[in-house]
Structures are given as C-alpha cells and as structure tokens.
Amino acid sequence: MVKEELATEPSLLVAFAYGEEDRMARDKEERRKHRRAALDMPIDMQGLDDEGQFFTARTINLSAGGFYCALPFHVPPMTKLKVSLVIPVTDSDGKVEKHPITCEGMVVRTVPEKVAKGKKLYEIGCFFTDIDDYDRLVIEQYLAQKSLAG
C-alpha cells in the first residue's frame, strides 16, 4: 500500500526519475549567484596564517563571487587568503584603465583535496569573503563586457 501511495505523489516521481547526483548538480547550480567566465589572468595571493606565504597564479575562471585557479602546491580547503588582481576597465571614451582589487577570500575547494605524491598541479576554488561592493560590481561589469565581446 505504501508503494502505491508513493508512486502517485508527483514530487516523489520526480525524485525517482532523477538520481541523487542530478539533485546535487541542480543544488550546485542554484547556489551560484554570479556569472562565471573562463578567464586567464594573473592573481596574487597571500596566506593570512602565521606563515603568510605569497604566491601568484593564473585564473581558470572568475566570477564576482570568487575564482578557480591551478597551483603547483597544495592549499587546504578553508585556508584564508589575501587576494589581489587587476581588472581592465573601459570608460565611456574607450580608454582602458587598470582597476586594482584587493580583498580576502577562502579556499572552498581543492582538487585533489589532500596532498598527492607525484601531483604537479592542484586546482583551488576560492570564494571572496570580504570584497568591496564596488569592486564586485567592477568584476561583474567586466565579465558582462567579455561575454558580449564574444
């Protein structure tokens, strides 16, 4: 009797039609608040821990909410970073100026998650935790211009 009742519930039919992986993928898409674009640009980072290691990488993608990049060493998830990047801004006359952004971020993803013997590159996803609203807007506008330019 329970199986018959479950089968007639539309929401449960959807749950049966889509597996757990599909639900997780939809949830991930819904969590993203900002447009993400493939973008190769330099980005400087410094650990906010006692060691304060400084390093430079190139972004794989960027959004107003954070970035993804590859590094030749492991950075654990939850690592707090000082982040600096420069966004080219085009004014109404077509003149390009550099807009420096310095903010704080946190590593939210590291692939692979743990140190791997023989691994030459680690990819990290970093979420901006403390960024000026104007700087976030500059990134959003830059990415919008890039997408329109093709």
Protein backbone atom coordinates (compact mmCIF):
# COMPACT_ATOMS: atom_id res chain seq x y z
CA MET A 1 0.00 0.00 0.00
CA VAL A 2 2.80 2.43 0.82
CA LYS A 3 4.46 1.84 -2.56
CA GLU A 4 1.24 2.67 -4.39
CA GLU A 5 0.84 5.93 -2.46
CA LEU A 6 4.44 6.92 -3.13
CA ALA A 7 4.13 6.24 -6.83
CA THR A 8 1.18 8.63 -7.14
CA GLU A 9 2.94 11.59 -5.49
CA PRO A 10 4.29 13.84 -8.30
CA SER A 11 7.19 15.14 -6.20
CA LEU A 12 8.26 11.60 -5.40
CA LEU A 13 8.00 10.60 -9.04
CA VAL A 14 10.49 13.35 -9.80
CA ALA A 15 12.73 12.09 -7.02
CA PHE A 16 12.64 8.60 -8.53
CA ALA A 17 13.21 9.93 -12.06
CA TYR A 18 16.27 11.92 -11.05
CA GLY A 19 19.03 10.38 -9.01
CA GLU A 20 20.88 11.93 -6.08
CA GLU A 21 23.65 13.16 -8.43
CA ASP A 22 21.11 15.10 -10.51
CA ARG A 23 19.70 16.73 -7.38
CA MET A 24 23.17 17.70 -6.19
CA ALA A 25 24.02 19.20 -9.60
CA ARG A 26 20.81 21.27 -9.56
CA ASP A 27 21.54 22.42 -5.99
CA LYS A 28 25.07 23.45 -7.03
CA GLU A 29 23.72 25.50 -9.94
CA GLU A 30 21.20 27.21 -7.67
CA ARG A 31 23.93 28.15 -5.15
CA ARG A 32 25.89 30.13 -7.76
CA LYS A 33 24.91 33.76 -7.51
CA HIS A 34 27.36 35.22 -10.01
CA ARG A 35 28.16 34.78 -13.68
CA ARG A 36 31.33 32.69 -14.08
CA ALA A 37 33.57 33.07 -17.12
CA ALA A 38 36.64 31.22 -18.33
CA LEU A 39 39.40 33.75 -17.94
CA ASP A 40 43.19 33.54 -17.85
CA MET A 41 44.57 36.43 -15.81
CA PRO A 42 47.23 36.80 -13.10
CA ILE A 43 46.14 36.76 -9.48
CA ASP A 44 48.29 37.27 -6.38
CA MET A 45 47.52 35.53 -3.11
CA GLN A 46 48.97 35.52 0.36
CA GLY A 47 48.04 33.24 3.22
CA LEU A 48 46.51 35.02 6.19
CA ASP A 49 48.02 32.50 8.59
CA ASP A 50 51.24 32.94 10.58
CA GLU A 51 53.44 31.94 7.63
CA GLY A 52 51.78 34.32 5.18
CA GLN A 53 53.14 32.57 2.08
CA PHE A 54 52.88 34.76 -1.05
CA PHE A 55 52.20 33.21 -4.46
CA THR A 56 50.97 34.12 -7.92
CA ALA A 57 48.75 32.04 -10.18
CA ARG A 58 46.61 32.44 -13.28
CA THR A 59 42.86 32.15 -13.07
CA ILE A 60 40.99 29.40 -14.87
CA ASN A 61 37.71 31.19 -14.33
CA LEU A 62 36.45 34.21 -12.46
CA SER A 63 33.17 35.48 -11.07
CA ALA A 64 32.17 38.33 -8.80
CA GLY A 65 31.94 35.68 -6.08
CA GLY A 66 35.39 34.13 -6.48
CA PHE A 67 37.80 32.35 -8.80
CA TYR A 68 39.29 29.00 -9.76
CA CYS A 69 43.00 28.54 -10.45
CA ALA A 70 45.81 25.98 -10.58
CA LEU A 71 48.85 25.97 -8.30
CA PRO A 72 52.00 23.81 -8.19
CA PHE A 73 51.42 23.05 -4.49
CA HIS A 74 48.59 22.04 -2.18
CA VAL A 75 46.45 24.66 -0.42
CA PRO A 76 43.98 23.07 2.01
CA PRO A 77 40.28 23.94 1.96
CA MET A 78 39.27 26.63 4.48
CA THR A 79 42.61 28.46 4.01
CA LYS A 80 42.10 32.23 4.29
CA LEU A 81 43.85 34.35 1.67
CA LYS A 82 44.54 37.96 0.82
CA VAL A 83 43.80 38.23 -2.90
CA SER A 84 44.94 40.89 -5.38
CA LEU A 85 44.03 41.17 -9.04
CA VAL A 86 43.74 43.89 -11.67
CA ILE A 87 40.63 44.28 -13.80
CA PRO A 88 40.86 46.30 -17.04
CA VAL A 89 38.04 48.85 -17.08
CA THR A 90 36.95 50.60 -20.28
CA ASP A 91 35.48 54.06 -19.78
CA SER A 92 32.84 55.69 -22.00
CA ASP A 93 35.58 57.12 -24.27
CA GLY A 94 37.01 53.65 -24.89
CA LYS A 95 40.07 54.30 -22.74
CA VAL A 96 41.23 51.24 -20.78
CA GLU A 97 42.39 51.74 -17.22
CA LYS A 98 43.55 49.24 -14.64
CA HIS A 99 41.35 48.76 -11.59
CA PRO A 100 43.28 47.04 -8.77
CA ILE A 101 41.25 44.92 -6.36
CA THR A 102 42.49 43.65 -3.02
CA CYS A 103 40.16 41.55 -0.92
CA GLU A 104 40.03 38.46 1.25
CA GLY A 105 38.96 35.02 0.21
CA MET A 106 38.70 31.47 1.45
CA VAL A 107 39.64 28.27 -0.37
CA VAL A 108 36.41 26.30 -0.62
CA ARG A 109 37.63 23.56 -2.93
CA THR A 110 40.97 21.87 -3.55
CA VAL A 111 41.43 19.13 -6.18
CA PRO A 112 42.76 16.74 -5.11
CA GLU A 113 41.67 17.50 -1.56
CA LYS A 114 44.80 16.06 0.05
CA VAL A 115 48.48 16.16 -0.83
CA ALA A 116 49.08 13.57 -3.58
CA LYS A 117 52.52 12.11 -4.24
CA GLY A 118 53.71 13.00 -7.74
CA LYS A 119 50.92 15.54 -8.26
CA LYS A 120 52.23 18.60 -10.11
CA LEU A 121 49.16 20.84 -10.09
CA TYR A 122 46.36 21.44 -7.61
CA GLU A 123 43.21 23.32 -8.54
CA ILE A 124 41.58 25.57 -5.98
CA GLY A 125 38.26 27.35 -5.85
CA CYS A 126 38.30 30.50 -3.75
CA PHE A 127 35.25 32.40 -2.53
CA PHE A 128 35.60 36.15 -1.91
CA THR A 129 34.74 36.63 1.77
CA ASP A 130 35.49 40.33 2.11
CA ILE A 131 35.29 42.37 -1.08
CA ASP A 132 34.15 45.94 -1.57
CA ASP A 133 30.75 46.17 -3.27
CA TYR A 134 32.17 48.48 -5.94
CA ASP A 135 34.99 46.01 -6.70
CA ARG A 136 32.45 43.20 -7.04
CA LEU A 137 30.46 45.38 -9.45
CA VAL A 138 33.61 46.11 -11.49
CA ILE A 139 34.18 42.35 -11.88
CA GLU A 140 30.53 41.77 -12.86
CA GLN A 141 30.65 44.53 -15.49
CA TYR A 142 33.97 43.30 -16.85
CA LEU A 143 32.64 39.76 -17.26
CA ALA A 144 29.47 41.10 -18.90
CA GLN A 145 31.59 43.08 -21.39
CA LYS A 146 33.72 39.99 -22.08
CA SER A 147 30.65 37.86 -22.77
CA LEU A 148 29.22 40.46 -25.17
CA ALA A 149 32.54 40.74 -26.99
CA GLY A 150 32.44 37.02 -27.61
